[in-house]
Structures are given as structure tokens and as C-alpha cells.
Amino acid sequence: MTERAKTTGGSAFPGNHSYVDGYPASFEGMTHRDYAAIHADQPGIAEIVSMAGFTYLSGQVWSDEQTSLGPFDSWWRSIANSERFMLSARVRYAMADALLAVKAETDPKFNDDGDLPF
């Protein structure tokens, strides 16, 4: 198994197709990592806050033990949409990475013989 396949789970939907002119074309498709991230649950408040490097406790976002950034809703509205999307995507890819790690530990098909993990 290639190093890329080990970290991404390999291609989720590989394919070989012929164009009209008869020349074959192949593509790897999206990876299992991408597929798992796309289908991951919506991140929760604690996951998002943690991914931002903060702590969520008693309804507040904390940058350290003594500094509250306010309630989650206020903090969430204070950051740009682009940052919100990035935090959500980071959590989803962290979930996908965890899924692949467990798959590698528990599935005998996930090995160095080139077999796909799913």
C-alpha cells in the first residue's frame, strides 16, 4: 500500500472510463478520507472550540483558565464565516483521520498488501 493510501485510505471510487475516441482514461476518485470527512456529523460546540485552541466550559469559551471570551454564540458570531468553515472542516477531517486509524487497527484487509481498507 502506498504511503498516500495509508494516510487517505486510498481511492473511494476509482474508475477506468473510455472517452468517445476510444482512448482510456483513469482517475483515482475521491479518497476514503475525503468521503468520511464529507459524511461526518456536524461538529459540536466543544469540538469546534477545541479545534480553535480554546476550551468550552459552563457555556463559555475560554482562551485560558482566567480569560473568558464569552458565550459560544457571541464568540461564534465574532469570527468570520471563512474561519467558521475552516474550523468545521478541520473537525470533520480529524474525525475521518480517527476513523481510518481505527480501521487500520481493527480491519485485517487494511494492510501492506495493497488491499483497500473498505
N, C-alpha and C. Protein backbone atom coordinates (compact mmCIF):
# COMPACT_ATOMS: atom_id res chain seq x y z
N MET A 1 0.85 -1.17 0.00
CA MET A 1 0.00 0.00 0.00
C MET A 1 0.90 1.23 0.00
N THR A 2 0.58 2.19 -0.82
CA THR A 2 1.38 3.41 -0.89
C THR A 2 1.21 4.22 0.38
N GLU A 3 2.14 5.12 0.63
CA GLU A 3 2.04 5.98 1.81
C GLU A 3 0.79 6.84 1.72
N ARG A 4 0.47 7.32 0.52
CA ARG A 4 -0.74 8.13 0.33
C ARG A 4 -1.98 7.31 0.68
N ALA A 5 -2.02 6.07 0.24
CA ALA A 5 -3.18 5.23 0.54
C ALA A 5 -3.29 4.97 2.04
N LYS A 6 -2.16 4.87 2.74
CA LYS A 6 -2.20 4.65 4.18
C LYS A 6 -2.80 5.84 4.91
N THR A 7 -2.51 7.05 4.45
CA THR A 7 -2.99 8.24 5.15
C THR A 7 -4.37 8.69 4.68
N THR A 8 -4.77 8.30 3.46
CA THR A 8 -6.06 8.74 2.94
C THR A 8 -7.07 7.61 2.84
N GLY A 9 -6.61 6.37 3.01
CA GLY A 9 -7.49 5.23 2.86
C GLY A 9 -7.63 4.77 1.43
N GLY A 10 -6.89 5.39 0.53
CA GLY A 10 -6.98 5.01 -0.88
C GLY A 10 -8.19 5.63 -1.54
N SER A 11 -8.38 5.31 -2.80
CA SER A 11 -9.48 5.88 -3.57
C SER A 11 -10.81 5.28 -3.15
N ALA A 12 -11.79 6.14 -2.99
CA ALA A 12 -13.13 5.67 -2.62
C ALA A 12 -13.88 5.17 -3.85
N PHE A 13 -13.71 5.84 -4.97
CA PHE A 13 -14.44 5.48 -6.19
C PHE A 13 -13.52 5.51 -7.40
N PRO A 14 -12.52 4.64 -7.45
CA PRO A 14 -11.63 4.66 -8.61
C PRO A 14 -12.39 4.20 -9.85
N GLY A 15 -11.89 4.59 -11.00
CA GLY A 15 -12.58 4.16 -12.21
C GLY A 15 -11.72 4.23 -13.44
N ASN A 16 -12.07 3.44 -14.41
CA ASN A 16 -11.48 3.48 -15.74
C ASN A 16 -12.63 3.69 -16.72
N HIS A 17 -12.52 4.70 -17.51
CA HIS A 17 -13.56 5.00 -18.48
C HIS A 17 -12.91 5.29 -19.82
N SER A 18 -13.62 5.00 -20.87
CA SER A 18 -13.12 5.31 -22.20
C SER A 18 -13.84 6.54 -22.72
N TYR A 19 -13.06 7.41 -23.31
CA TYR A 19 -13.67 8.55 -23.98
C TYR A 19 -14.26 8.08 -25.30
N VAL A 20 -15.01 8.93 -25.93
CA VAL A 20 -15.66 8.60 -27.19
C VAL A 20 -14.65 8.16 -28.24
N ASP A 21 -13.47 8.76 -28.22
CA ASP A 21 -12.47 8.42 -29.23
C ASP A 21 -11.76 7.10 -28.92
N GLY A 22 -12.13 6.44 -27.84
CA GLY A 22 -11.58 5.12 -27.54
C GLY A 22 -10.34 5.10 -26.68
N TYR A 23 -9.78 6.27 -26.36
CA TYR A 23 -8.60 6.29 -25.50
C TYR A 23 -9.02 6.14 -24.04
N PRO A 24 -8.40 5.23 -23.33
CA PRO A 24 -8.80 5.03 -21.93
C PRO A 24 -8.35 6.19 -21.06
N ALA A 25 -9.13 6.47 -20.09
CA ALA A 25 -8.79 7.48 -19.09
C ALA A 25 -9.10 6.90 -17.72
N SER A 26 -8.21 7.09 -16.79
CA SER A 26 -8.47 6.60 -15.45
C SER A 26 -8.33 7.75 -14.47
N PHE A 27 -8.99 7.64 -13.36
CA PHE A 27 -8.88 8.64 -12.32
C PHE A 27 -9.03 7.95 -10.98
N GLU A 28 -8.42 8.53 -9.99
CA GLU A 28 -8.42 7.91 -8.67
C GLU A 28 -9.71 8.15 -7.91
N GLY A 29 -10.42 9.18 -8.23
CA GLY A 29 -11.62 9.50 -7.47
C GLY A 29 -11.27 10.11 -6.12
N MET A 30 -12.29 10.40 -5.34
CA MET A 30 -12.03 10.97 -4.02
C MET A 30 -11.48 9.88 -3.10
N THR A 31 -10.79 10.31 -2.07
CA THR A 31 -10.21 9.34 -1.13
C THR A 31 -11.24 8.94 -0.08
N HIS A 32 -10.95 7.84 0.60
CA HIS A 32 -11.81 7.44 1.72
C HIS A 32 -11.80 8.51 2.81
N ARG A 33 -10.68 9.18 2.96
CA ARG A 33 -10.58 10.25 3.97
C ARG A 33 -11.55 11.38 3.61
N ASP A 34 -11.55 11.79 2.33
CA ASP A 34 -12.47 12.83 1.89
C ASP A 34 -13.92 12.40 2.10
N TYR A 35 -14.22 11.17 1.71
CA TYR A 35 -15.58 10.65 1.82
C TYR A 35 -16.04 10.64 3.28
N ALA A 36 -15.17 10.17 4.17
CA ALA A 36 -15.52 10.13 5.59
C ALA A 36 -15.70 11.53 6.15
N ALA A 37 -14.87 12.48 5.73
CA ALA A 37 -14.99 13.86 6.21
C ALA A 37 -16.29 14.50 5.74
N ILE A 38 -16.64 14.25 4.49
CA ILE A 38 -17.87 14.82 3.94
C ILE A 38 -19.09 14.30 4.70
N HIS A 39 -19.06 13.04 5.09
CA HIS A 39 -20.21 12.43 5.74
C HIS A 39 -20.13 12.44 7.27
N ALA A 40 -19.13 13.09 7.83
CA ALA A 40 -19.01 13.18 9.28
C ALA A 40 -20.16 14.02 9.84
N ASP A 41 -20.51 13.73 11.08
CA ASP A 41 -21.56 14.51 11.74
C ASP A 41 -21.15 15.97 11.86
N GLN A 42 -22.15 16.83 12.00
CA GLN A 42 -21.90 18.24 12.24
C GLN A 42 -21.12 18.36 13.55
N PRO A 43 -20.00 19.07 13.54
CA PRO A 43 -19.21 19.20 14.77
C PRO A 43 -20.01 19.88 15.89
N GLY A 44 -19.76 19.43 17.10
CA GLY A 44 -20.41 20.03 18.25
C GLY A 44 -19.64 21.25 18.74
N ILE A 45 -20.23 21.96 19.67
CA ILE A 45 -19.62 23.18 20.21
C ILE A 45 -18.24 22.90 20.79
N ALA A 46 -18.13 21.89 21.65
CA ALA A 46 -16.84 21.60 22.29
C ALA A 46 -15.78 21.24 21.26
N GLU A 47 -16.16 20.49 20.22
CA GLU A 47 -15.19 20.11 19.18
C GLU A 47 -14.69 21.34 18.42
N ILE A 48 -15.60 22.24 18.08
CA ILE A 48 -15.22 23.45 17.34
C ILE A 48 -14.32 24.33 18.19
N VAL A 49 -14.71 24.55 19.43
CA VAL A 49 -13.92 25.40 20.33
C VAL A 49 -12.54 24.79 20.54
N SER A 50 -12.48 23.50 20.75
CA SER A 50 -11.19 22.82 20.94
C SER A 50 -10.31 22.95 19.70
N MET A 51 -10.90 22.79 18.51
CA MET A 51 -10.13 22.92 17.27
C MET A 51 -9.58 24.33 17.11
N ALA A 52 -10.28 25.32 17.67
CA ALA A 52 -9.81 26.71 17.62
C ALA A 52 -8.71 26.97 18.64
N GLY A 53 -8.45 25.99 19.51
CA GLY A 53 -7.39 26.14 20.50
C GLY A 53 -7.88 26.69 21.83
N PHE A 54 -9.21 26.69 22.03
CA PHE A 54 -9.79 27.20 23.26
C PHE A 54 -10.46 26.07 24.03
N THR A 55 -11.07 26.43 25.16
CA THR A 55 -11.78 25.47 26.00
C THR A 55 -13.23 25.92 26.13
N TYR A 56 -14.14 24.96 26.15
CA TYR A 56 -15.56 25.26 26.36
C TYR A 56 -15.96 24.70 27.71
N LEU A 57 -16.40 25.58 28.61
CA LEU A 57 -16.76 25.16 29.96
C LEU A 57 -17.87 26.06 30.48
N SER A 58 -18.91 25.47 31.02
CA SER A 58 -20.03 26.20 31.62
C SER A 58 -20.63 27.22 30.65
N GLY A 59 -20.75 26.83 29.38
CA GLY A 59 -21.37 27.71 28.39
C GLY A 59 -20.49 28.83 27.89
N GLN A 60 -19.25 28.87 28.32
CA GLN A 60 -18.32 29.94 27.94
C GLN A 60 -17.15 29.39 27.14
N VAL A 61 -16.61 30.22 26.27
CA VAL A 61 -15.38 29.91 25.55
C VAL A 61 -14.24 30.56 26.32
N TRP A 62 -13.22 29.78 26.64
CA TRP A 62 -12.09 30.27 27.44
C TRP A 62 -10.80 30.16 26.65
N SER A 63 -10.03 31.25 26.63
CA SER A 63 -8.72 31.20 25.96
C SER A 63 -7.65 30.68 26.91
N ASP A 64 -7.87 30.84 28.21
CA ASP A 64 -7.02 30.24 29.25
C ASP A 64 -7.88 30.13 30.51
N GLU A 65 -7.29 29.72 31.61
CA GLU A 65 -8.06 29.47 32.83
C GLU A 65 -8.74 30.72 33.39
N GLN A 66 -8.24 31.90 33.05
CA GLN A 66 -8.78 33.12 33.63
C GLN A 66 -9.45 34.05 32.62
N THR A 67 -9.38 33.73 31.33
CA THR A 67 -9.88 34.65 30.31
C THR A 67 -11.03 34.04 29.53
N SER A 68 -12.24 34.54 29.82
CA SER A 68 -13.43 34.09 29.08
C SER A 68 -13.60 34.97 27.85
N LEU A 69 -13.91 34.33 26.73
CA LEU A 69 -14.21 35.06 25.50
C LEU A 69 -15.71 35.25 25.34
N GLY A 70 -16.47 34.84 26.35
CA GLY A 70 -17.92 35.00 26.33
C GLY A 70 -18.63 33.71 25.96
N PRO A 71 -19.96 33.80 25.88
CA PRO A 71 -20.74 32.63 25.48
C PRO A 71 -20.38 32.18 24.07
N PHE A 72 -20.59 30.90 23.80
CA PHE A 72 -20.25 30.36 22.48
C PHE A 72 -20.90 31.16 21.36
N ASP A 73 -22.20 31.43 21.48
CA ASP A 73 -22.90 32.14 20.40
C ASP A 73 -22.26 33.49 20.08
N SER A 74 -21.87 34.22 21.11
CA SER A 74 -21.21 35.52 20.89
C SER A 74 -19.86 35.34 20.23
N TRP A 75 -19.09 34.39 20.73
CA TRP A 75 -17.77 34.13 20.13
C TRP A 75 -17.92 33.69 18.68
N TRP A 76 -18.85 32.78 18.42
CA TRP A 76 -19.06 32.24 17.07
C TRP A 76 -19.44 33.35 16.10
N ARG A 77 -20.30 34.27 16.53
CA ARG A 77 -20.70 35.39 15.66
C ARG A 77 -19.56 36.37 15.44
N SER A 78 -18.59 36.37 16.33
CA SER A 78 -17.49 37.35 16.22
C SER A 78 -16.41 36.94 15.22
N ILE A 79 -16.44 35.70 14.76
CA ILE A 79 -15.42 35.26 13.81
C ILE A 79 -16.00 35.21 12.40
N ALA A 80 -15.14 35.37 11.42
CA ALA A 80 -15.56 35.41 10.01
C ALA A 80 -16.10 34.05 9.56
N ASN A 81 -17.01 34.09 8.59
CA ASN A 81 -17.55 32.84 8.04
C ASN A 81 -16.45 31.92 7.55
N SER A 82 -15.43 32.49 6.92
CA SER A 82 -14.35 31.65 6.39
C SER A 82 -13.67 30.87 7.52
N GLU A 83 -13.50 31.49 8.68
CA GLU A 83 -12.90 30.80 9.83
C GLU A 83 -13.87 29.74 10.38
N ARG A 84 -15.15 30.05 10.38
CA ARG A 84 -16.15 29.06 10.83
C ARG A 84 -16.08 27.81 9.96
N PHE A 85 -16.03 28.02 8.64
CA PHE A 85 -15.99 26.89 7.71
C PHE A 85 -14.70 26.09 7.89
N MET A 86 -13.59 26.78 8.09
CA MET A 86 -12.31 26.09 8.28
C MET A 86 -12.33 25.25 9.56
N LEU A 87 -12.87 25.79 10.64
CA LEU A 87 -12.94 25.03 11.89
C LEU A 87 -13.81 23.79 11.73
N SER A 88 -14.94 23.95 11.07
CA SER A 88 -15.83 22.80 10.83
C SER A 88 -15.13 21.74 9.98
N ALA A 89 -14.44 22.18 8.94
CA ALA A 89 -13.73 21.23 8.07
C ALA A 89 -12.60 20.53 8.82
N ARG A 90 -11.88 21.27 9.66
CA ARG A 90 -10.79 20.65 10.42
C ARG A 90 -11.32 19.57 11.36
N VAL A 91 -12.45 19.84 12.01
CA VAL A 91 -13.04 18.84 12.90
C VAL A 91 -13.45 17.61 12.10
N ARG A 92 -14.07 17.83 10.95
CA ARG A 92 -14.54 16.70 10.14
C ARG A 92 -13.36 15.85 9.64
N TYR A 93 -12.27 16.49 9.24
CA TYR A 93 -11.11 15.71 8.80
C TYR A 93 -10.44 15.01 9.98
N ALA A 94 -10.49 15.60 11.17
CA ALA A 94 -9.96 14.91 12.35
C ALA A 94 -10.80 13.66 12.64
N MET A 95 -12.11 13.76 12.45
CA MET A 95 -12.98 12.58 12.62
C MET A 95 -12.63 11.51 11.58
N ALA A 96 -12.41 11.94 10.34
CA ALA A 96 -12.06 11.00 9.27
C ALA A 96 -10.73 10.31 9.57
N ASP A 97 -9.76 11.08 10.06
CA ASP A 97 -8.46 10.50 10.41
C ASP A 97 -8.60 9.47 11.53
N ALA A 98 -9.45 9.77 12.50
CA ALA A 98 -9.69 8.82 13.59
C ALA A 98 -10.34 7.54 13.07
N LEU A 99 -11.28 7.68 12.15
CA LEU A 99 -11.92 6.51 11.56
C LEU A 99 -10.90 5.65 10.84
N LEU A 100 -10.02 6.26 10.05
CA LEU A 100 -9.01 5.50 9.33
C LEU A 100 -8.01 4.84 10.28
N ALA A 101 -7.69 5.51 11.38
CA ALA A 101 -6.76 4.93 12.36
C ALA A 101 -7.36 3.69 13.00
N VAL A 102 -8.63 3.76 13.37
CA VAL A 102 -9.30 2.60 13.95
C VAL A 102 -9.43 1.49 12.92
N LYS A 103 -9.72 1.86 11.68
CA LYS A 103 -9.83 0.87 10.61
C LYS A 103 -8.50 0.14 10.44
N ALA A 104 -7.40 0.87 10.48
CA ALA A 104 -6.08 0.26 10.32
C ALA A 104 -5.77 -0.71 11.47
N GLU A 105 -6.25 -0.39 12.67
CA GLU A 105 -6.00 -1.24 13.84
C GLU A 105 -6.88 -2.49 13.86
N THR A 106 -8.08 -2.40 13.31
CA THR A 106 -9.05 -3.46 13.52
C THR A 106 -9.43 -4.27 12.28
N ASP A 107 -9.14 -3.77 11.10
CA ASP A 107 -9.57 -4.45 9.87
C ASP A 107 -8.40 -5.19 9.24
N PRO A 108 -8.47 -6.51 9.14
CA PRO A 108 -7.36 -7.26 8.55
C PRO A 108 -7.15 -6.95 7.07
N LYS A 109 -8.15 -6.37 6.40
CA LYS A 109 -7.99 -6.01 4.99
C LYS A 109 -7.13 -4.76 4.81
N PHE A 110 -6.99 -3.99 5.86
CA PHE A 110 -6.19 -2.77 5.80
C PHE A 110 -4.75 -3.16 6.12
N ASN A 111 -3.99 -3.48 5.08
CA ASN A 111 -2.64 -3.99 5.31
C ASN A 111 -1.69 -3.47 4.25
N ASP A 112 -0.49 -3.96 4.24
CA ASP A 112 0.53 -3.51 3.31
C ASP A 112 0.51 -4.26 1.98
N ASP A 113 -0.48 -5.10 1.77
CA ASP A 113 -0.55 -5.88 0.53
C ASP A 113 -1.27 -5.16 -0.59
N GLY A 114 -1.64 -3.91 -0.36
CA GLY A 114 -2.30 -3.14 -1.40
C GLY A 114 -3.81 -3.24 -1.38
N ASP A 115 -4.37 -3.95 -0.40
CA ASP A 115 -5.82 -4.06 -0.33
C ASP A 115 -6.41 -2.73 0.12
N LEU A 116 -7.59 -2.44 -0.39
CA LEU A 116 -8.29 -1.24 0.04
C LEU A 116 -8.89 -1.48 1.42
N PRO A 117 -9.01 -0.43 2.22
CA PRO A 117 -9.45 -0.61 3.60
C PRO A 117 -10.95 -0.85 3.75
N PHE A 118 -11.73 -0.61 2.73
CA PHE A 118 -13.19 -0.76 2.89
C PHE A 118 -13.73 -1.73 1.88
